[in-house]
Protein backbone atom coordinates (compact mmCIF):
# COMPACT_ATOMS: atom_id res chain seq x y z
CA MET A 1 28.39 -23.38 -37.80
CA ASN A 2 30.54 -23.66 -34.70
CA GLY A 3 30.50 -19.87 -34.33
CA THR A 4 26.70 -19.84 -34.45
CA THR A 5 26.52 -22.63 -31.86
CA ASP A 6 28.93 -20.80 -29.55
CA SER A 7 26.92 -17.61 -29.92
CA LEU A 8 23.70 -19.42 -28.99
CA LYS A 9 25.42 -21.00 -26.00
CA ARG A 10 26.65 -17.60 -24.80
CA LYS A 11 23.15 -16.12 -25.15
CA ALA A 12 21.62 -19.06 -23.26
CA ALA A 13 24.21 -18.69 -20.49
CA ALA A 14 23.53 -14.94 -20.30
CA GLN A 15 19.78 -15.54 -20.01
CA ALA A 16 20.33 -18.18 -17.33
CA GLY A 17 22.64 -15.83 -15.46
CA PHE A 18 20.07 -13.02 -15.69
CA ALA A 19 17.32 -15.28 -14.32
CA ARG A 20 19.55 -16.43 -11.46
CA ARG A 21 20.54 -12.88 -10.55
CA PHE A 22 16.91 -11.74 -10.59
CA ILE A 23 15.87 -14.63 -8.34
CA ASP A 24 18.75 -13.83 -5.96
CA LEU A 25 17.62 -10.20 -5.87
CA ALA A 26 13.84 -10.56 -5.60
CA GLY A 27 13.03 -14.20 -4.89
CA GLY A 28 13.40 -13.77 -1.12
CA TYR A 29 9.91 -12.24 -1.00
CA TRP A 30 8.45 -15.76 -0.95
CA ALA A 31 10.78 -16.82 1.89
CA GLY A 32 10.59 -13.74 4.12
CA GLU A 33 8.80 -13.01 7.36
CA GLU A 34 5.36 -13.06 5.70
CA LYS A 35 6.12 -16.07 3.51
CA TRP A 36 2.94 -17.99 4.32
CA LYS A 37 0.75 -14.99 3.57
CA VAL A 38 2.64 -14.39 0.32
CA ARG A 39 2.47 -18.03 -0.69
CA LEU A 40 -1.26 -18.14 0.06
CA LEU A 41 -1.79 -15.10 -2.17
CA THR A 42 0.28 -16.78 -4.91
CA VAL A 43 -1.80 -19.97 -4.70
CA ALA A 44 -4.99 -17.90 -4.77
CA LEU A 45 -3.73 -16.06 -7.85
CA LEU A 46 -2.99 -19.40 -9.55
CA VAL A 47 -6.48 -20.77 -8.71
CA LEU A 48 -8.12 -17.59 -10.02
CA THR A 49 -6.01 -17.82 -13.18
CA VAL A 50 -7.36 -21.32 -13.72
CA GLY A 51 -10.81 -19.77 -13.27
CA GLN A 52 -9.96 -17.29 -16.04
CA VAL A 53 -9.17 -20.22 -18.35
CA VAL A 54 -12.45 -21.90 -17.44
CA VAL A 55 -14.36 -18.97 -19.01
CA PRO A 56 -13.10 -19.40 -22.63
CA VAL A 57 -13.47 -23.19 -22.29
CA MET A 58 -17.12 -22.75 -21.25
CA ILE A 59 -17.65 -20.19 -24.04
CA ASN A 60 -16.20 -22.69 -26.52
CA LEU A 61 -18.63 -25.40 -25.42
CA TRP A 62 -21.45 -22.85 -25.31
CA SER A 63 -20.79 -21.67 -28.88
CA GLU A 64 -21.13 -25.21 -30.19
CA LYS A 65 -24.57 -25.55 -28.57
CA LEU A 66 -25.63 -22.06 -29.68
CA PHE A 67 -24.76 -22.46 -33.37
CA ASP A 68 -26.28 -25.93 -33.45
CA ALA A 69 -29.47 -24.40 -32.01
CA LEU A 70 -29.35 -21.68 -34.67
CA GLU A 71 -28.76 -24.22 -37.41
CA GLN A 72 -31.75 -26.24 -36.18
CA ARG A 73 -33.79 -23.05 -35.59
CA SER A 74 -34.65 -24.25 -32.04
CA MET A 75 -36.03 -21.36 -29.96
CA ASP A 76 -36.11 -23.42 -26.70
CA ARG A 77 -32.43 -24.29 -26.94
CA PHE A 78 -31.69 -20.68 -27.92
CA PHE A 79 -33.27 -19.35 -24.69
CA THR A 80 -31.40 -22.00 -22.71
CA MET A 81 -28.14 -20.72 -24.22
CA ILE A 82 -29.08 -17.16 -23.18
CA GLY A 83 -29.46 -18.32 -19.56
CA ALA A 84 -26.19 -20.27 -19.77
CA VAL A 85 -24.22 -17.28 -21.01
CA GLY A 86 -25.61 -15.22 -18.11
CA VAL A 87 -24.15 -17.75 -15.65
CA ILE A 88 -20.79 -17.65 -17.48
CA ILE A 89 -20.78 -13.83 -17.35
CA LEU A 90 -21.53 -13.81 -13.60
CA PHE A 91 -18.74 -16.31 -12.93
CA SER A 92 -16.33 -14.23 -15.07
CA ILE A 93 -17.19 -11.00 -13.21
CA VAL A 94 -16.61 -12.51 -9.76
CA ASN A 95 -13.41 -14.28 -10.82
CA THR A 96 -12.01 -11.20 -12.58
CA PHE A 97 -12.70 -8.94 -9.58
CA LEU A 98 -11.06 -11.31 -7.11
CA HIS A 99 -8.14 -11.91 -9.47
CA LEU A 100 -7.50 -8.15 -9.79
CA ARG A 101 -7.53 -7.63 -6.03
CA VAL A 102 -5.20 -10.55 -5.31
CA LYS A 103 -2.79 -9.69 -8.13
CA ARG A 104 -2.47 -6.02 -7.19
CA ARG A 105 -2.01 -6.91 -3.52
CA LEU A 106 0.79 -9.28 -4.46
CA GLN A 107 2.38 -6.70 -6.77
CA LEU A 108 2.36 -3.96 -4.13
CA GLY A 109 3.67 -6.31 -1.44
CA TRP A 110 6.55 -7.46 -3.65
CA ARG A 111 7.41 -3.91 -4.67
CA ARG A 112 7.37 -2.75 -1.04
CA TRP A 113 9.59 -5.67 0.04
CA LEU A 114 12.12 -5.16 -2.76
CA THR A 115 12.15 -1.39 -2.29
CA ARG A 116 12.94 -1.83 1.40
CA LYS A 117 15.65 -4.34 0.59
CA VAL A 118 17.40 -2.05 -1.90
CA LEU A 119 16.93 0.98 0.36
CA ASP A 120 18.45 -0.94 3.28
CA GLY A 121 21.48 -1.67 1.11
CA TRP A 122 21.73 1.83 -0.36
CA LEU A 123 21.09 3.91 2.77
CA ALA A 124 23.54 2.11 5.04
CA ARG A 125 27.06 2.96 6.21
CA GLY A 126 27.35 5.85 3.75
CA ARG A 127 26.83 3.69 0.67
CA GLN A 128 24.58 6.30 -0.96
CA HIS A 129 27.68 8.50 -0.96
CA GLN A 130 30.31 5.86 -1.69
CA VAL A 131 28.53 4.32 -4.68
CA THR A 132 28.79 7.59 -6.61
CA TYR A 133 32.57 7.10 -6.81
CA LEU A 134 32.40 3.63 -8.38
CA PRO A 135 32.58 3.22 -12.17
CA GLY A 136 29.75 1.42 -13.92
CA ASP A 137 26.11 1.75 -14.89
CA HIS A 138 24.46 2.62 -11.57
CA ASP A 139 23.65 6.31 -11.94
CA ASN A 140 20.29 7.81 -10.92
CA PRO A 141 19.62 5.41 -8.02
CA ASP A 142 16.46 7.36 -7.16
CA GLY A 143 14.91 6.50 -10.53
CA ARG A 144 16.01 2.88 -10.26
CA ILE A 145 14.41 2.53 -6.83
CA ALA A 146 11.22 4.46 -7.55
CA GLU A 147 10.47 3.47 -11.15
CA ASP A 148 12.53 0.44 -12.16
CA ILE A 149 11.62 -1.59 -9.07
CA ARG A 150 7.96 -0.81 -9.77
CA ILE A 151 8.29 -2.09 -13.34
CA ALA A 152 10.42 -5.06 -12.28
CA THR A 153 7.83 -6.32 -9.77
CA GLU A 154 4.55 -5.31 -11.39
CA MET A 155 5.48 -6.53 -14.84
CA ALA A 156 7.03 -9.72 -13.50
CA ILE A 157 3.69 -10.71 -11.98
CA ASP A 158 1.79 -9.52 -15.07
CA LEU A 159 4.04 -11.47 -17.40
CA GLY A 160 4.08 -14.49 -15.09
CA HIS A 161 0.29 -14.46 -14.88
CA SER A 162 -0.18 -14.11 -18.64
CA LEU A 163 2.34 -16.90 -19.29
CA THR A 164 0.62 -19.21 -16.77
CA TYR A 165 -2.75 -18.34 -18.30
CA CYS A 166 -1.48 -19.17 -21.79
CA VAL A 167 0.07 -22.47 -20.67
CA ILE A 168 -3.16 -23.61 -18.98
CA LEU A 169 -5.18 -22.34 -21.96
CA LEU A 170 -2.90 -24.23 -24.34
CA ILE A 171 -3.29 -27.47 -22.37
CA SER A 172 -7.08 -27.08 -22.28
CA PHE A 173 -7.61 -26.24 -25.94
CA THR A 174 -4.98 -28.67 -27.19
CA ASN A 175 -7.18 -31.45 -25.89
CA ILE A 176 -10.33 -29.86 -27.35
CA LEU A 177 -8.71 -29.22 -30.75
CA TRP A 178 -7.35 -32.76 -30.87
CA MET A 179 -10.82 -34.22 -30.32
CA LEU A 180 -12.49 -31.84 -32.79
CA SER A 181 -9.90 -32.54 -35.50
CA GLY A 182 -10.92 -36.15 -35.83
CA THR A 183 -8.90 -38.26 -38.23
CA VAL A 184 -8.26 -37.33 -41.84
CA ALA A 185 -6.94 -39.56 -44.59
CA VAL A 186 -3.83 -38.35 -46.43
CA THR A 187 -2.49 -40.09 -49.53
CA VAL A 188 1.29 -40.12 -49.83
CA TRP A 189 2.81 -41.93 -52.82
CA ASP A 190 -0.34 -43.98 -53.35
CA THR A 191 -0.41 -44.85 -49.66
CA GLU A 192 -3.34 -43.68 -47.57
CA LEU A 193 -2.39 -42.54 -44.08
CA SER A 194 -4.70 -41.68 -41.18
CA VAL A 195 -3.65 -38.48 -39.45
CA PRO A 196 -5.32 -37.76 -36.08
CA GLY A 197 -5.41 -34.23 -34.64
CA HIS A 198 -4.32 -32.59 -37.89
CA LEU A 199 -5.70 -29.17 -36.86
CA LEU A 200 -3.50 -29.20 -33.77
CA PHE A 201 -0.40 -29.78 -35.89
CA ILE A 202 -1.44 -26.99 -38.26
CA ALA A 203 -1.90 -24.65 -35.27
CA LEU A 204 1.54 -25.55 -33.90
CA ILE A 205 3.24 -24.97 -37.25
CA TYR A 206 1.32 -21.70 -37.77
CA ALA A 207 2.26 -20.39 -34.31
CA ALA A 208 5.89 -21.51 -34.66
CA ILE A 209 6.29 -19.61 -37.94
CA GLY A 210 4.64 -16.49 -36.46
CA THR A 211 6.74 -16.60 -33.28
CA SER A 212 9.99 -17.03 -35.24
CA ILE A 213 9.23 -14.06 -37.46
CA ALA A 214 8.18 -11.97 -34.46
CA TRP A 215 11.39 -12.85 -32.62
CA VAL A 216 13.55 -11.67 -35.51
CA VAL A 217 11.47 -8.51 -36.00
CA GLY A 218 11.35 -7.82 -32.23
CA GLN A 219 15.08 -7.88 -31.44
CA PRO A 220 15.62 -4.24 -32.53
CA LEU A 221 12.68 -3.32 -30.28
CA VAL A 222 14.44 -4.80 -27.24
CA ARG A 223 17.55 -2.72 -27.91
CA ALA A 224 15.44 0.38 -28.58
CA VAL A 225 13.61 0.01 -25.25
CA ASN A 226 16.91 -0.26 -23.37
CA ARG A 227 18.27 2.88 -25.03
CA ARG A 228 15.09 4.86 -24.44
CA GLN A 229 14.95 4.01 -20.72
CA GLY A 230 18.52 5.23 -20.32
CA TYR A 231 17.70 8.54 -22.05
CA GLU A 232 14.54 8.96 -19.94
CA ALA A 233 16.51 8.38 -16.73
CA ASP A 234 19.10 11.00 -17.72
CA PHE A 235 16.35 13.55 -18.42
CA ARG A 236 14.63 12.86 -15.07
CA PHE A 237 17.96 13.25 -13.28
CA GLY A 238 18.58 16.58 -15.02
CA LEU A 239 15.20 17.88 -13.87
CA ALA A 240 15.84 16.69 -10.31
CA ARG A 241 19.21 18.48 -10.24
CA ILE A 242 17.56 21.76 -11.20
CA ARG A 243 14.92 21.31 -8.51
CA GLU A 244 17.62 20.62 -5.90
CA ASN A 245 19.69 23.64 -6.96
CA ALA A 246 16.90 26.08 -7.83
CA GLN A 247 18.26 28.89 -5.65
CA PRO A 248 21.87 29.04 -6.92
CA ILE A 249 20.62 28.73 -10.50
CA ALA A 250 18.28 31.68 -9.91
CA LEU A 251 21.02 33.76 -8.28
CA LEU A 252 23.38 33.13 -11.19
CA HIS A 253 20.58 33.64 -13.74
CA GLY A 254 21.48 30.26 -15.14
CA GLU A 255 18.04 29.48 -16.54
CA THR A 256 19.23 29.79 -20.15
CA ALA A 257 22.12 27.39 -19.58
CA GLU A 258 19.86 24.92 -17.79
CA ARG A 259 17.25 25.11 -20.54
CA GLY A 260 19.96 24.33 -23.06
CA ARG A 261 21.15 21.38 -21.00
CA LEU A 262 17.61 20.03 -20.67
CA VAL A 263 16.99 20.51 -24.39
CA ARG A 264 20.11 18.44 -25.10
CA LEU A 265 18.97 15.76 -22.66
CA PHE A 266 15.51 15.74 -24.20
CA GLU A 267 17.12 15.31 -27.60
CA GLY A 268 18.27 11.94 -26.28
CA VAL A 269 14.67 11.21 -25.23
CA ARG A 270 13.54 12.14 -28.75
CA LEU A 271 16.12 9.85 -30.32
CA GLY A 272 15.11 7.03 -27.98
CA TRP A 273 11.43 7.60 -28.73
CA HIS A 274 12.09 7.68 -32.48
CA GLY A 275 14.15 4.49 -32.33
CA GLN A 276 11.44 2.73 -30.37
CA THR A 277 8.77 4.05 -32.77
CA VAL A 278 10.59 2.63 -35.79
CA ALA A 279 11.06 -0.73 -34.06
CA LEU A 280 7.43 -0.74 -32.89
CA GLY A 281 6.28 0.13 -36.41
CA HIS A 282 8.00 -2.93 -37.83
CA MET A 283 6.53 -5.03 -35.04
CA MET A 284 3.03 -3.60 -35.55
CA LEU A 285 3.11 -4.29 -39.29
CA PHE A 286 3.69 -7.93 -38.54
CA SER A 287 1.23 -8.03 -35.61
CA ALA A 288 -1.57 -6.43 -37.66
CA THR A 289 -1.12 -8.97 -40.45
CA TYR A 290 -0.82 -11.85 -38.00
CA SER A 291 -3.90 -10.91 -35.94
CA VAL A 292 -6.19 -10.58 -39.00
CA LEU A 293 -4.89 -13.81 -40.48
CA SER A 294 -5.37 -15.58 -37.13
CA ALA A 295 -9.09 -14.66 -37.16
CA ALA A 296 -9.70 -15.93 -40.70
CA PHE A 297 -7.26 -18.83 -41.00
CA PRO A 298 -8.96 -21.34 -38.62
CA ILE A 299 -12.36 -20.96 -40.35
CA LEU A 300 -10.72 -21.45 -43.74
CA VAL A 301 -8.95 -24.57 -42.48
CA ALA A 302 -12.09 -26.15 -40.93
CA ALA A 303 -14.61 -25.00 -43.59
CA PRO A 304 -14.00 -27.89 -46.07
CA ARG A 305 -15.23 -30.41 -43.47
CA TYR A 306 -18.40 -28.34 -42.90
CA ILE A 307 -18.97 -28.01 -46.65
CA ALA A 308 -18.50 -31.76 -46.99
CA GLY A 309 -21.19 -32.25 -44.34
CA THR A 310 -19.00 -34.15 -41.87
CA ILE A 311 -19.41 -31.54 -39.09
CA SER A 312 -22.21 -29.21 -37.98
CA LEU A 313 -22.09 -25.39 -37.93
CA GLY A 314 -21.66 -25.53 -34.15
CA VAL A 315 -18.63 -27.82 -34.43
CA LEU A 316 -17.21 -25.55 -37.16
CA MET A 317 -17.41 -22.49 -34.91
CA GLN A 318 -16.18 -24.44 -31.89
CA THR A 319 -13.21 -25.68 -33.96
CA ALA A 320 -12.39 -22.17 -35.17
CA GLN A 321 -12.48 -20.83 -31.60
CA ALA A 322 -10.35 -23.71 -30.29
CA PHE A 323 -7.83 -23.09 -33.07
CA GLN A 324 -7.72 -19.34 -32.26
CA GLN A 325 -7.29 -19.99 -28.54
CA THR A 326 -4.48 -22.49 -29.18
CA VAL A 327 -2.64 -20.14 -31.53
CA GLY A 328 -3.25 -17.26 -29.13
CA ALA A 329 -1.69 -19.21 -26.28
CA LEU A 330 1.28 -20.15 -28.45
CA SER A 331 1.66 -16.50 -29.49
CA TRP A 332 2.52 -15.33 -25.97
CA PRO A 333 6.08 -14.33 -27.00
CA ILE A 334 4.72 -12.20 -29.86
CA ASP A 335 2.16 -10.42 -27.71
CA ASN A 336 4.49 -9.77 -24.78
CA LEU A 337 7.86 -9.11 -26.39
CA PRO A 338 7.75 -5.28 -25.99
CA ARG A 339 6.66 -5.51 -22.33
CA ALA A 340 9.19 -8.24 -21.62
CA ALA A 341 11.90 -6.02 -23.13
CA GLU A 342 10.87 -3.09 -20.91
CA TRP A 343 10.76 -5.38 -17.85
CA LYS A 344 14.21 -6.82 -18.59
CA ALA A 345 15.70 -3.35 -19.04
CA SER A 346 14.32 -2.23 -15.67
CA VAL A 347 15.54 -5.36 -13.92
CA GLU A 348 19.01 -4.83 -15.38
CA ARG A 349 19.05 -1.28 -13.99
CA VAL A 350 18.11 -2.50 -10.50
CA LEU A 351 20.68 -5.31 -10.73
CA SER A 352 23.37 -2.81 -11.74
CA LEU A 353 22.71 -0.79 -8.60
CA GLN A 354 22.70 -3.94 -6.49
CA ASP A 355 25.99 -5.08 -8.07
CA ALA A 356 27.59 -1.74 -7.20
CA LEU A 357 26.46 -2.09 -3.58
CA ARG A 358 27.88 -5.61 -3.47
CA GLN A 359 31.15 -4.33 -4.88
CA LEU A 360 31.27 -1.86 -2.00
CA ASP A 361 30.72 -4.73 0.43
CA ASP A 362 33.60 -6.64 -1.16
CA GLU A 363 35.89 -3.62 -0.87
CA VAL A 364 34.91 -2.71 2.67
CA CYS A 365 34.31 -6.13 4.21
CA GLY A 366 36.22 -8.45 1.90
CA ASP A 367 39.87 -9.20 1.43
CA ALA A 368 40.60 -5.90 -0.31
CA ASP A 369 42.75 -3.43 1.61
CA HIS A 370 40.64 -0.72 3.23
CA ILE A 371 40.53 1.65 6.19
CA VAL A 372 39.29 -0.02 9.37
CA VAL A 373 37.31 2.24 11.72
CA GLU A 374 36.70 0.87 15.19
CA ARG A 375 35.22 1.93 18.51
CA SER A 376 37.11 0.63 21.53
CA ASP A 377 37.06 1.04 25.32
CA VAL A 378 40.83 0.77 25.23
CA HIS A 379 41.24 4.06 23.42
CA ARG A 380 40.64 7.37 25.21
CA SER A 381 41.63 9.42 22.19
CA LEU A 382 41.29 9.46 18.40
CA CYS A 383 44.15 7.35 17.03
CA PHE A 384 45.37 6.97 13.44
CA HIS A 385 47.61 3.93 12.90
CA GLN A 386 49.47 3.92 9.57
CA THR A 387 46.41 5.48 7.98
CA SER A 388 46.50 6.37 4.30
CA ILE A 389 43.79 7.73 2.01
CA SER A 390 43.32 6.60 -1.60
CA ASP A 391 40.98 7.18 -4.51
CA PRO A 392 38.44 4.43 -5.29
CA ASP A 393 40.68 3.33 -8.18
CA GLY A 394 43.53 2.69 -5.72
CA LYS A 395 45.61 5.83 -6.42
CA ARG A 396 47.07 7.04 -3.12
CA ILE A 397 46.19 10.58 -2.01
CA LEU A 398 47.49 10.88 1.57
CA LEU A 399 50.64 9.04 2.61
CA PRO A 400 50.49 6.79 5.73
CA PHE A 401 50.72 8.63 9.03
CA ASP A 402 50.32 8.06 12.76
CA LEU A 403 48.48 10.60 14.90
CA GLU A 404 46.75 10.84 18.25
CA VAL A 405 44.13 13.46 19.10
CA HIS A 406 43.43 13.61 22.83
CA ARG A 407 40.08 14.32 24.39
CA GLY A 408 39.57 18.06 24.69
CA ASP A 409 42.07 18.89 21.91
CA ARG A 410 41.29 21.69 19.45
CA VAL A 411 42.85 20.77 16.08
CA LEU A 412 42.83 22.87 12.90
CA ILE A 413 43.43 21.07 9.59
CA VAL A 414 44.69 23.18 6.67
CA GLY A 415 46.26 22.51 3.30
CA ASP A 416 45.02 20.21 0.55
CA PRO A 417 41.19 20.36 0.77
CA VAL A 418 40.54 17.05 -1.01
CA ALA A 419 42.74 15.08 1.37
CA ALA A 420 41.29 16.91 4.40
CA ILE A 421 37.67 16.26 3.48
CA ARG A 422 38.32 12.62 2.68
CA LEU A 423 40.16 12.23 5.96
CA PHE A 424 37.02 13.40 7.77
CA ARG A 425 34.92 11.00 5.72
CA ALA A 426 37.28 8.19 6.62
CA VAL A 427 36.79 8.96 10.33
CA ALA A 428 33.03 8.95 9.74
CA GLY A 429 33.36 5.49 8.20
CA VAL A 430 32.06 6.51 4.76
CA TRP A 431 35.42 6.58 2.94
CA PRO A 432 36.85 3.04 3.05
CA TRP A 433 39.46 3.49 0.32
CA GLY A 434 42.94 3.45 1.77
CA SER A 435 44.64 1.45 4.51
CA GLY A 436 45.40 1.47 8.21
CA ARG A 437 43.19 1.83 11.27
CA ILE A 438 41.25 4.66 12.88
CA ALA A 439 40.21 4.14 16.51
CA LEU A 440 37.65 6.22 18.39
CA PRO A 441 36.71 5.95 22.06
CA ALA A 442 33.62 3.85 22.63
CA HIS A 443 30.39 5.36 23.97
CA THR A 444 31.20 8.87 22.82
CA ARG A 445 28.90 11.12 20.84
CA VAL A 446 30.38 12.23 17.51
CA PHE A 447 28.98 15.05 15.38
CA PHE A 448 30.02 16.00 11.82
CA MET A 449 29.22 19.47 10.51
CA PRO A 450 29.58 19.64 6.70
CA GLU A 451 29.95 22.90 4.82
CA ARG A 452 26.19 22.97 4.21
CA PRO A 453 23.98 21.22 6.78
CA TYR A 454 21.40 18.80 5.43
CA LEU A 455 17.94 20.26 6.03
CA PRO A 456 15.16 17.74 5.33
CA HIS A 457 11.73 18.86 4.15
CA ASP A 458 10.11 18.70 7.59
CA THR A 459 9.17 20.89 10.53
CA LEU A 460 11.93 23.16 11.80
CA ARG A 461 11.77 21.28 15.10
CA ALA A 462 12.49 18.01 13.29
CA VAL A 463 15.28 19.68 11.31
CA LEU A 464 16.97 20.75 14.55
CA SER A 465 16.79 17.24 16.01
CA TYR A 466 17.83 15.50 12.77
CA PRO A 467 18.62 12.63 12.53
CA GLY A 468 17.14 11.95 15.98
CA PRO A 469 16.37 10.35 18.29
CA ILE A 470 16.25 13.65 20.23
CA THR A 471 12.68 14.88 20.66
CA LEU A 472 12.18 18.57 21.24
CA GLU A 473 8.88 18.75 23.10
CA GLY A 474 7.88 22.31 23.87
CA ASN A 475 9.87 25.36 22.77
CA ASP A 476 12.47 25.76 25.53
CA VAL A 477 15.46 23.80 24.16
CA ALA A 478 14.86 24.56 20.47
CA ALA A 479 14.07 28.22 21.09
CA ALA A 480 17.13 28.69 23.29
CA ALA A 481 19.39 27.13 20.66
CA LEU A 482 17.97 29.30 17.88
CA ALA A 483 18.32 32.43 19.99
CA ARG A 484 21.94 31.60 20.91
CA VAL A 485 23.00 31.34 17.26
CA GLY A 486 21.19 34.49 16.12
CA LEU A 487 18.08 32.88 14.62
CA ALA A 488 15.50 34.10 17.14
CA HIS A 489 13.23 35.18 14.28
CA LEU A 490 12.70 31.50 13.40
CA ILE A 491 11.34 30.50 16.83
CA ARG A 492 7.77 31.20 15.77
CA ARG A 493 8.23 28.81 12.84
CA LEU A 494 9.36 25.79 14.85
CA ASP A 495 6.29 23.76 13.81
CA ASP A 496 6.22 24.97 10.19
CA THR A 497 7.11 22.54 7.42
CA ASP A 498 9.10 23.99 4.54
CA SER A 499 12.01 23.45 2.14
CA TRP A 500 14.46 25.08 4.53
CA ASP A 501 17.45 24.72 2.22
CA SER A 502 15.61 27.01 -0.23
CA VAL A 503 13.91 29.32 2.27
CA LEU A 504 16.99 30.11 4.38
CA ALA A 505 20.05 31.97 3.16
CA VAL A 506 23.35 30.05 3.30
CA PRO A 507 24.61 31.96 6.39
CA GLU A 508 21.31 31.14 8.14
CA GLN A 509 21.74 27.48 7.20
CA GLN A 510 25.21 27.46 8.74
CA ARG A 511 23.87 29.09 11.90
CA LEU A 512 21.17 26.41 11.99
CA GLY A 513 23.96 23.82 11.90
CA PHE A 514 25.43 25.36 15.08
CA ALA A 515 21.97 25.32 16.70
CA ARG A 516 21.75 21.62 15.94
CA LEU A 517 25.22 21.22 17.48
CA LEU A 518 24.14 22.96 20.72
CA ILE A 519 21.11 20.68 20.98
CA ARG A 520 23.04 17.46 20.45
CA ARG A 521 26.02 18.50 22.66
CA PRO A 522 28.50 15.88 21.33
CA ASP A 523 31.85 14.84 22.80
CA TRP A 524 33.71 14.96 19.46
CA ILE A 525 33.01 17.64 16.84
CA PHE A 526 34.25 17.58 13.23
CA ILE A 527 33.66 20.86 11.36
CA GLU A 528 34.18 21.11 7.60
CA ASP A 529 34.27 24.78 6.46
CA ALA A 530 30.98 25.30 8.32
CA THR A 531 31.62 29.04 8.82
CA ASP A 532 32.85 30.03 5.37
CA SER A 533 29.67 31.95 4.46
CA LEU A 534 29.60 34.00 7.67
CA ASP A 535 31.03 37.47 8.05
CA PRO A 536 34.11 37.69 10.35
CA ALA A 537 32.14 39.03 13.32
CA SER A 538 29.51 36.28 13.07
CA GLU A 539 32.18 33.63 12.64
CA GLU A 540 34.00 34.84 15.75
CA GLU A 541 30.74 34.96 17.69
CA LEU A 542 29.84 31.34 16.89
CA LEU A 543 33.34 30.02 17.59
CA GLU A 544 33.33 31.72 21.00
CA LEU A 545 29.87 30.30 21.62
CA LEU A 546 31.25 26.86 20.89
CA GLU A 547 34.02 27.34 23.48
CA GLN A 548 31.54 28.58 26.08
CA GLU A 549 28.86 25.91 25.57
CA LEU A 550 31.11 22.90 24.88
CA PRO A 551 34.42 23.63 26.59
CA THR A 552 35.40 19.96 27.09
CA ALA A 553 34.45 18.74 23.62
CA THR A 554 37.18 17.67 21.20
CA LEU A 555 37.18 19.82 18.07
CA LEU A 556 38.70 19.09 14.66
CA THR A 557 38.15 21.79 12.05
CA ILE A 558 38.86 21.99 8.32
CA GLY A 559 39.26 25.59 7.18
CA SER A 560 41.65 28.17 5.85
CA HIS A 561 40.22 31.28 7.56
CA ALA A 562 42.75 33.17 9.62
CA ALA A 563 40.05 33.69 12.26
CA LEU A 564 39.93 29.96 12.96
CA GLU A 565 43.50 29.56 14.21
CA PRO A 566 43.17 31.42 17.56
CA HIS A 567 40.42 28.98 18.54
CA HIS A 568 42.64 25.88 18.12
CA ARG A 569 45.72 24.59 19.91
CA ARG A 570 47.16 22.27 17.26
CA LYS A 571 47.46 22.64 13.48
CA LEU A 572 47.81 19.82 10.98
CA VAL A 573 49.10 20.82 7.56
CA LEU A 574 48.41 18.66 4.51
CA ASP A 575 51.18 19.45 1.99
CA ARG A 576 50.87 18.26 -1.60
CA GLY A 577 54.03 17.38 -3.48
CA ASP A 578 55.12 14.83 -6.10
CA GLY A 579 51.53 13.71 -6.56
CA PHE A 580 51.01 12.82 -2.89
CA VAL A 581 49.84 14.63 0.23
CA GLN A 582 51.86 14.37 3.42
CA LEU A 583 50.72 15.34 6.92
CA ARG A 584 52.85 17.42 9.28
CA GLU A 585 52.02 19.23 12.50
CA GLU A 586 52.57 22.87 13.42
CA THR A 587 51.82 24.91 16.51
CA CYS A 588 48.89 27.29 16.31
CA ALA A 589 49.44 31.02 16.82
CA LYS A 590 47.32 30.91 19.97
CA ALA A 591 49.59 28.25 21.47
CA VAL A 592 52.71 30.25 20.52
CA THR A 593 51.33 33.41 22.17
CA ALA A 594 50.37 31.46 25.29
CA ALA A 595 53.89 30.03 25.47
């Protein structure tokens, strides 16, 4: 017994924790910049929901009058009831239309607000990159933001509206059913007792039994929905990966391998679908029985009083409708369990992503040891103070070192590629794992050139100025940059929009990265193997161009090409040994020759 009690307490605590986390995540919509507008829409939705309840109440009263008129064969009262139902229909149409507009406006506004909030947390300070290194259930952030936030907000309002509707409906028809029940005499052990509102108690017991059975039957459905959504997300991610890497897959003729991978992923979708189908089948068997019984049961319960002549036909039908509406309101958990399970699963996926982002905040801004990157007027050079690089799990990669790179230096970094790339990311402020400080001069323009430049789906002019705020009006600057890097044939396409990472060959993409560099003209340049796809002559041409166009810029380059060394004055070697990487400095061949 104690074990059962403890289990129930844990479940209640988990549900309370889930509700609190969801409110922390999404509740700020009602306290934001447009809070009065949002609150007004919420009040309007509540008023219109009350209007929705008014319709079945009026129909209930109308049915009593109609069936009494039929029982009395009164044509005048019959025509009056026809006019009355027309008024009810008109009211229902207007109320339903307004309710739909207000509800959908509130749903879209909430989704937009929450999407922006999560995007602001995800696309900030390199988190979209950092979060991929954290363990936990936060994969496929694109699906969580696009689909799960939609479900979390839209279904929350749908479920909240239906629950509010059922509560108001229950209050309204509880009163009606109590009055229609009258008082019945029940004999218990030769004692006659008067029981008021007996139909209400029957309805409560009937709904309680149905809800309890549905809850037991519906638990496997909740688990099945969670599993299926995970499988669906994996399949969507697999498709997105193929779309993003369509060109290399085509070049390697990897279609067969990718088809096999997608078939395996879809097998998970099939298993999830089958599991949900089985669980839904069990639920539908119960729901079908329950819905038919709910239509017949109230008439069977109230019929003896009509047969005895104590109530009219109109009261009988009004009683049956009131009973159905009361049971229907009490059956909200039965009717909404599958949707509530889907909503909860989506909210959990959004919360998992949010938790991962908060974990990053704790690691970067909290008490945990991390690399501090700062901009300071005091520093005229790039300074590393006891800087070390670690994995996200705390395992040290690069041992602590001190280093100063002066303005105008040309530094080549060779050796362990993992440590080199993460060192660059640490300077960029997107790799916080490690310790020590990195100081950069304030008010200097810094430019990072990865191995493959990011080319957004936009006009070529916008691609060259990415990420802004440089605006390339006219063709002079953009055309000159393209011509200087050997891409003159693209000048005519400056205003074309295309998927440039698919249209352009990899060497052309790397040349485009140098064109972007010439346009931005930074003070500090960090190059990460950005010439590895070029032939030696083209590589030499672009490196000389860099020296001609940006002679005073500071250059730090990761690369192992022999052609790189003559263009640098210092060389940093990252040696791996005994599980760690250690930094040491050598003199470049160019500097030796000059000496």
